[in-house]
PDB file of N, CA and C in Angstrom:
ATOM      1  N   MET A   1      -8.066  -6.510  36.512  1.00  0.00           N
ATOM      2  CA  MET A   1      -8.647  -7.839  36.437  1.00  0.00           C
ATOM      3  C   MET A   1     -10.167  -7.718  36.541  1.00  0.00           C
ATOM      4  N   SER A   2     -10.873  -8.488  35.723  1.00  0.00           N
ATOM      5  CA  SER A   2     -12.329  -8.387  35.714  1.00  0.00           C
ATOM      6  C   SER A   2     -12.937  -9.067  36.949  1.00  0.00           C
ATOM      7  N   ASN A   3     -14.171  -8.731  37.202  1.00  0.00           N
ATOM      8  CA  ASN A   3     -14.892  -9.282  38.355  1.00  0.00           C
ATOM      9  C   ASN A   3     -15.049 -10.800  38.213  1.00  0.00           C
ATOM     10  N   PHE A   4     -15.304 -11.254  36.988  1.00  0.00           N
ATOM     11  CA  PHE A   4     -15.466 -12.691  36.746  1.00  0.00           C
ATOM     12  C   PHE A   4     -14.185 -13.443  37.070  1.00  0.00           C
ATOM     13  N   THR A   5     -13.052 -12.921  36.598  1.00  0.00           N
ATOM     14  CA  THR A   5     -11.764 -13.570  36.847  1.00  0.00           C
ATOM     15  C   THR A   5     -11.462 -13.616  38.339  1.00  0.00           C
ATOM     16  N   THR A   6     -11.758 -12.532  39.034  1.00  0.00           N
ATOM     17  CA  THR A   6     -11.545 -12.493  40.469  1.00  0.00           C
ATOM     18  C   THR A   6     -12.386 -13.554  41.170  1.00  0.00           C
ATOM     19  N   ASN A   7     -13.640 -13.703  40.762  1.00  0.00           N
ATOM     20  CA  ASN A   7     -14.517 -14.708  41.360  1.00  0.00           C
ATOM     21  C   ASN A   7     -14.022 -16.129  41.081  1.00  0.00           C
ATOM     22  N   VAL A   8     -13.500 -16.359  39.882  1.00  0.00           N
ATOM     23  CA  VAL A   8     -12.967 -17.684  39.554  1.00  0.00           C
ATOM     24  C   VAL A   8     -11.761 -18.003  40.445  1.00  0.00           C
ATOM     25  N   TYR A   9     -10.863 -17.028  40.610  1.00  0.00           N
ATOM     26  CA  TYR A   9      -9.700 -17.250  41.471  1.00  0.00           C
ATOM     27  C   TYR A   9     -10.109 -17.490  42.921  1.00  0.00           C
ATOM     28  N   LEU A  10     -11.056 -16.708  43.419  1.00  0.00           N
ATOM     29  CA  LEU A  10     -11.507 -16.888  44.801  1.00  0.00           C
ATOM     30  C   LEU A  10     -12.187 -18.241  44.980  1.00  0.00           C
ATOM     31  N   GLY A  11     -12.971 -18.667  43.996  1.00  0.00           N
ATOM     32  CA  GLY A  11     -13.616 -19.974  44.070  1.00  0.00           C
ATOM     33  C   GLY A  11     -12.604 -21.102  44.089  1.00  0.00           C
ATOM     34  N   ALA A  12     -11.569 -20.996  43.241  1.00  0.00           N
ATOM     35  CA  ALA A  12     -10.524 -22.021  43.201  1.00  0.00           C
ATOM     36  C   ALA A  12      -9.759 -22.068  44.518  1.00  0.00           C
ATOM     37  N   LEU A  13      -9.461 -20.903  45.069  1.00  0.00           N
ATOM     38  CA  LEU A  13      -8.751 -20.874  46.347  1.00  0.00           C
ATOM     39  C   LEU A  13      -9.585 -21.447  47.483  1.00  0.00           C
ATOM     40  N   SER A  14     -10.890 -21.216  47.451  1.00  0.00           N
ATOM     41  CA  SER A  14     -11.736 -21.749  48.521  1.00  0.00           C
ATOM     42  C   SER A  14     -11.834 -23.271  48.439  1.00  0.00           C
ATOM     43  N   LEU A  15     -11.738 -23.826  47.227  1.00  0.00           N
ATOM     44  CA  LEU A  15     -11.778 -25.283  47.094  1.00  0.00           C
ATOM     45  C   LEU A  15     -10.472 -25.925  47.549  1.00  0.00           C
ATOM     46  N   LEU A  16      -9.393 -25.170  47.508  1.00  0.00           N
ATOM     47  CA  LEU A  16      -8.101 -25.711  47.906  1.00  0.00           C
ATOM     48  C   LEU A  16      -7.816 -25.546  49.393  1.00  0.00           C
ATOM     49  N   SER A  17      -8.695 -24.889  50.100  1.00  0.00           N
ATOM     50  CA  SER A  17      -8.437 -24.671  51.524  1.00  0.00           C
ATOM     51  C   SER A  17      -8.602 -25.971  52.312  1.00  0.00           C
ATOM     52  N   SER A  18      -7.948 -26.035  53.454  1.00  0.00           N
ATOM     53  CA  SER A  18      -8.028 -27.241  54.278  1.00  0.00           C
ATOM     54  C   SER A  18      -9.430 -27.424  54.871  1.00  0.00           C
ATOM     55  N   ALA A  19     -10.188 -26.333  55.030  1.00  0.00           N
ATOM     56  CA  ALA A  19     -11.542 -26.453  55.570  1.00  0.00           C
ATOM     57  C   ALA A  19     -12.463 -27.215  54.607  1.00  0.00           C
ATOM     58  N   ALA A  20     -12.175 -27.154  53.321  1.00  0.00           N
ATOM     59  CA  ALA A  20     -13.004 -27.864  52.355  1.00  0.00           C
ATOM     60  C   ALA A  20     -12.850 -29.379  52.474  1.00  0.00           C
ATOM     61  N   PHE A  21     -11.728 -29.835  52.995  1.00  0.00           N
ATOM     62  CA  PHE A  21     -11.463 -31.263  53.126  1.00  0.00           C
ATOM     63  C   PHE A  21     -11.560 -31.744  54.566  1.00  0.00           C
ATOM     64  N   ALA A  22     -12.201 -30.989  55.441  1.00  0.00           N
ATOM     65  CA  ALA A  22     -12.148 -31.261  56.873  1.00  0.00           C
ATOM     66  C   ALA A  22     -13.215 -32.229  57.377  1.00  0.00           C
ATOM     67  N   HIS A  23     -14.169 -32.662  56.548  1.00  0.00           N
ATOM     68  CA  HIS A  23     -15.185 -33.552  57.080  1.00  0.00           C
ATOM     69  C   HIS A  23     -14.691 -34.994  57.126  1.00  0.00           C
ATOM     70  N   GLU A  24     -15.315 -35.795  57.946  1.00  0.00           N
ATOM     71  CA  GLU A  24     -14.836 -37.156  58.160  1.00  0.00           C
ATOM     72  C   GLU A  24     -15.380 -38.163  57.157  1.00  0.00           C
ATOM     73  N   GLY A  25     -16.231 -37.747  56.251  1.00  0.00           N
ATOM     74  CA  GLY A  25     -16.759 -38.654  55.252  1.00  0.00           C
ATOM     75  C   GLY A  25     -18.130 -39.176  55.640  1.00  0.00           C
ATOM     76  N   HIS A  26     -18.499 -40.306  55.095  1.00  0.00           N
ATOM     77  CA  HIS A  26     -19.793 -40.903  55.417  1.00  0.00           C
ATOM     78  C   HIS A  26     -19.643 -42.408  55.553  1.00  0.00           C
ATOM     79  N   ASP A  27     -20.638 -43.004  56.169  1.00  0.00           N
ATOM     80  CA  ASP A  27     -20.595 -44.417  56.520  1.00  0.00           C
ATOM     81  C   ASP A  27     -21.116 -45.263  55.360  1.00  0.00           C
ATOM     82  N   HIS A  28     -20.268 -46.091  54.786  1.00  0.00           N
ATOM     83  CA  HIS A  28     -20.686 -46.972  53.698  1.00  0.00           C
ATOM     84  C   HIS A  28     -21.403 -48.216  54.211  1.00  0.00           C
ATOM     85  N   ASN A  29     -21.449 -48.432  55.510  1.00  0.00           N
ATOM     86  CA  ASN A  29     -22.130 -49.587  56.073  1.00  0.00           C
ATOM     87  C   ASN A  29     -23.564 -49.286  56.495  1.00  0.00           C
ATOM     88  N   HIS A  30     -23.985 -48.037  56.364  1.00  0.00           N
ATOM     89  CA  HIS A  30     -25.347 -47.661  56.752  1.00  0.00           C
ATOM     90  C   HIS A  30     -26.341 -48.300  55.789  1.00  0.00           C
ATOM     91  N   TRP A  31     -27.555 -48.599  56.260  1.00  0.00           N
ATOM     92  CA  TRP A  31     -28.541 -49.302  55.449  1.00  0.00           C
ATOM     93  C   TRP A  31     -28.980 -48.494  54.232  1.00  0.00           C
ATOM     94  N   SER A  32     -28.903 -47.158  54.274  1.00  0.00           N
ATOM     95  CA  SER A  32     -29.357 -46.344  53.143  1.00  0.00           C
ATOM     96  C   SER A  32     -28.226 -45.960  52.190  1.00  0.00           C
ATOM     97  N   SER A  33     -27.016 -46.410  52.481  1.00  0.00           N
ATOM     98  CA  SER A  33     -25.862 -46.003  51.693  1.00  0.00           C
ATOM     99  C   SER A  33     -25.985 -46.408  50.224  1.00  0.00           C
ATOM    100  N   ASP A  34     -26.403 -47.651  49.958  1.00  0.00           N
ATOM    101  CA  ASP A  34     -26.518 -48.113  48.574  1.00  0.00           C
ATOM    102  C   ASP A  34     -27.533 -47.291  47.788  1.00  0.00           C
ATOM    103  N   ALA A  35     -28.686 -47.044  48.378  1.00  0.00           N
ATOM    104  CA  ALA A  35     -29.716 -46.274  47.694  1.00  0.00           C
ATOM    105  C   ALA A  35     -29.260 -44.840  47.426  1.00  0.00           C
ATOM    106  N   LEU A  36     -28.590 -44.244  48.394  1.00  0.00           N
ATOM    107  CA  LEU A  36     -28.117 -42.872  48.212  1.00  0.00           C
ATOM    108  C   LEU A  36     -27.036 -42.785  47.143  1.00  0.00           C
ATOM    109  N   HIS A  37     -26.167 -43.773  47.068  1.00  0.00           N
ATOM    110  CA  HIS A  37     -25.149 -43.772  46.024  1.00  0.00           C
ATOM    111  C   HIS A  37     -25.789 -43.953  44.642  1.00  0.00           C
ATOM    112  N   ILE A  38     -26.777 -44.827  44.556  1.00  0.00           N
ATOM    113  CA  ILE A  38     -27.467 -45.020  43.278  1.00  0.00           C
ATOM    114  C   ILE A  38     -28.170 -43.740  42.853  1.00  0.00           C
ATOM    115  N   LEU A  39     -28.829 -43.074  43.781  1.00  0.00           N
ATOM    116  CA  LEU A  39     -29.497 -41.808  43.451  1.00  0.00           C
ATOM    117  C   LEU A  39     -28.494 -40.735  43.028  1.00  0.00           C
ATOM    118  N   PHE A  40     -27.385 -40.637  43.734  1.00  0.00           N
ATOM    119  CA  PHE A  40     -26.383 -39.622  43.414  1.00  0.00           C
ATOM    120  C   PHE A  40     -25.786 -39.855  42.032  1.00  0.00           C
ATOM    121  N   TYR A  41     -25.309 -41.060  41.775  1.00  0.00           N
ATOM    122  CA  TYR A  41     -24.681 -41.333  40.482  1.00  0.00           C
ATOM    123  C   TYR A  41     -25.712 -41.352  39.360  1.00  0.00           C
ATOM    124  N   GLY A  42     -26.921 -41.752  39.667  1.00  0.00           N
ATOM    125  CA  GLY A  42     -27.990 -41.678  38.665  1.00  0.00           C
ATOM    126  C   GLY A  42     -28.291 -40.244  38.275  1.00  0.00           C
ATOM    127  N   SER A  43     -28.265 -39.336  39.246  1.00  0.00           N
ATOM    128  CA  SER A  43     -28.507 -37.929  38.931  1.00  0.00           C
ATOM    129  C   SER A  43     -27.373 -37.355  38.083  1.00  0.00           C
ATOM    130  N   LEU A  44     -26.138 -37.788  38.338  1.00  0.00           N
ATOM    131  CA  LEU A  44     -25.017 -37.334  37.509  1.00  0.00           C
ATOM    132  C   LEU A  44     -25.147 -37.827  36.074  1.00  0.00           C
ATOM    133  N   VAL A  45     -25.538 -39.082  35.903  1.00  0.00           N
ATOM    134  CA  VAL A  45     -25.728 -39.632  34.560  1.00  0.00           C
ATOM    135  C   VAL A  45     -26.872 -38.913  33.843  1.00  0.00           C
ATOM    136  N   THR A  46     -27.954 -38.637  34.569  1.00  0.00           N
ATOM    137  CA  THR A  46     -29.082 -37.921  33.992  1.00  0.00           C
ATOM    138  C   THR A  46     -28.683 -36.513  33.572  1.00  0.00           C
ATOM    139  N   LEU A  47     -27.930 -35.833  34.401  1.00  0.00           N
ATOM    140  CA  LEU A  47     -27.460 -34.492  34.069  1.00  0.00           C
ATOM    141  C   LEU A  47     -26.583 -34.522  32.829  1.00  0.00           C
ATOM    142  N   LEU A  48     -25.681 -35.475  32.735  1.00  0.00           N
ATOM    143  CA  LEU A  48     -24.820 -35.607  31.572  1.00  0.00           C
ATOM    144  C   LEU A  48     -25.643 -35.879  30.312  1.00  0.00           C
ATOM    145  N   ALA A  49     -26.662 -36.725  30.422  1.00  0.00           N
ATOM    146  CA  ALA A  49     -27.514 -37.038  29.277  1.00  0.00           C
ATOM    147  C   ALA A  49     -28.295 -35.809  28.816  1.00  0.00           C
ATOM    148  N   VAL A  50     -28.834 -35.038  29.749  1.00  0.00           N
ATOM    149  CA  VAL A  50     -29.610 -33.842  29.391  1.00  0.00           C
ATOM    150  C   VAL A  50     -28.715 -32.797  28.736  1.00  0.00           C
ATOM    151  N   VAL A  51     -27.522 -32.568  29.301  1.00  0.00           N
ATOM    152  CA  VAL A  51     -26.604 -31.590  28.723  1.00  0.00           C
ATOM    153  C   VAL A  51     -26.161 -32.032  27.335  1.00  0.00           C
ATOM    154  N   SER A  52     -25.888 -33.305  27.164  1.00  0.00           N
ATOM    155  CA  SER A  52     -25.509 -33.823  25.846  1.00  0.00           C
ATOM    156  C   SER A  52     -26.646 -33.664  24.849  1.00  0.00           C
ATOM    157  N   PHE A  53     -27.854 -34.006  25.260  1.00  0.00           N
ATOM    158  CA  PHE A  53     -29.010 -33.883  24.380  1.00  0.00           C
ATOM    159  C   PHE A  53     -29.219 -32.444  23.941  1.00  0.00           C
ATOM    160  N   LEU A  54     -29.162 -31.511  24.902  1.00  0.00           N
ATOM    161  CA  LEU A  54     -29.371 -30.109  24.560  1.00  0.00           C
ATOM    162  C   LEU A  54     -28.243 -29.564  23.695  1.00  0.00           C
ATOM    163  N   GLY A  55     -27.015 -30.011  23.943  1.00  0.00           N
ATOM    164  CA  GLY A  55     -25.889 -29.576  23.121  1.00  0.00           C
ATOM    165  C   GLY A  55     -26.010 -30.062  21.692  1.00  0.00           C
ATOM    166  N   ILE A  56     -26.370 -31.320  21.520  1.00  0.00           N
ATOM    167  CA  ILE A  56     -26.548 -31.874  20.171  1.00  0.00           C
ATOM    168  C   ILE A  56     -27.704 -31.175  19.468  1.00  0.00           C
ATOM    169  N   LYS A  57     -28.783 -30.925  20.179  1.00  0.00           N
ATOM    170  CA  LYS A  57     -29.933 -30.231  19.608  1.00  0.00           C
ATOM    171  C   LYS A  57     -29.535 -28.833  19.137  1.00  0.00           C
ATOM    172  N   GLN A  58     -28.733 -28.133  19.944  1.00  0.00           N
ATOM    173  CA  GLN A  58     -28.286 -26.785  19.591  1.00  0.00           C
ATOM    174  C   GLN A  58     -27.376 -26.825  18.362  1.00  0.00           C
ATOM    175  N   LEU A  59     -26.466 -27.806  18.299  1.00  0.00           N
ATOM    176  CA  LEU A  59     -25.578 -27.926  17.141  1.00  0.00           C
ATOM    177  C   LEU A  59     -26.360 -28.209  15.871  1.00  0.00           C
ATOM    178  N   ARG A  60     -27.333 -29.091  15.948  1.00  0.00           N
ATOM    179  CA  ARG A  60     -28.148 -29.397  14.763  1.00  0.00           C
ATOM    180  C   ARG A  60     -28.960 -28.190  14.314  1.00  0.00           C
ATOM    181  N   LYS A  61     -29.425 -27.400  15.278  1.00  0.00           N
ATOM    182  CA  LYS A  61     -30.176 -26.198  14.950  1.00  0.00           C
ATOM    183  C   LYS A  61     -29.274 -25.193  14.227  1.00  0.00           C
ATOM    184  N   LYS A  62     -28.034 -25.037  14.698  1.00  0.00           N
ATOM    185  CA  LYS A  62     -27.093 -24.136  14.042  1.00  0.00           C
ATOM    186  C   LYS A  62     -26.766 -24.619  12.633  1.00  0.00           C
ATOM    187  N   GLU A  63     -26.533 -25.930  12.483  1.00  0.00           N
ATOM    188  CA  GLU A  63     -26.200 -26.476  11.179  1.00  0.00           C
ATOM    189  C   GLU A  63     -27.345 -26.313  10.191  1.00  0.00           C
ATOM    190  N   SER A  64     -28.571 -26.521  10.655  1.00  0.00           N
ATOM    191  CA  SER A  64     -29.703 -26.384   9.734  1.00  0.00           C
ATOM    192  C   SER A  64     -29.943 -24.922   9.354  1.00  0.00           C
ATOM    193  N   SER A  65     -29.710 -23.992  10.270  1.00  0.00           N
ATOM    194  CA  SER A  65     -29.880 -22.577   9.934  1.00  0.00           C
ATOM    195  C   SER A  65     -28.756 -22.106   9.009  1.00  0.00           C
ATOM    196  N   LYS A  66     -27.561 -22.692   9.139  1.00  0.00           N
ATOM    197  CA  LYS A  66     -26.449 -22.353   8.264  1.00  0.00           C
ATOM    198  C   LYS A  66     -26.707 -22.851   6.843  1.00  0.00           C
ATOM    199  N   SER A  67     -27.266 -24.055   6.716  1.00  0.00           N
ATOM    200  CA  SER A  67     -27.538 -24.613   5.394  1.00  0.00           C
ATOM    201  C   SER A  67     -28.706 -23.890   4.718  1.00  0.00           C
ATOM    202  N   GLU A  68     -29.634 -23.334   5.471  1.00  0.00           N
ATOM    203  CA  GLU A  68     -30.736 -22.565   4.887  1.00  0.00           C
ATOM    204  C   GLU A  68     -30.260 -21.217   4.360  1.00  0.00           C
ATOM    205  N   GLU A  69     -29.192 -20.660   4.946  1.00  0.00           N
ATOM    206  CA  GLU A  69     -28.649 -19.395   4.486  1.00  0.00           C
ATOM    207  C   GLU A  69     -28.007 -19.541   3.126  1.00  0.00           C
ATOM    208  N   LEU A  70     -27.448 -20.710   2.826  1.00  0.00           N
ATOM    209  CA  LEU A  70     -26.769 -20.929   1.553  1.00  0.00           C
ATOM    210  C   LEU A  70     -27.799 -21.082   0.484  1.00  0.00           C
TER     211      LEU A  70
END
């Protein structure tokens, strides 16, 4: 088995352990909770937008280089 596969299995097993789920959570009634949730979900949306943009840019670059070869 390759080193990469071993690392993937170990990572998956560590996420399934009971210690990974052992925290009590966070307080949704705290005054900063709304702002922190907006920042967190905003960062996820931004990350998704950047990855999508770069993926589309890469695909268009491949398509244009393929059409120039013909």
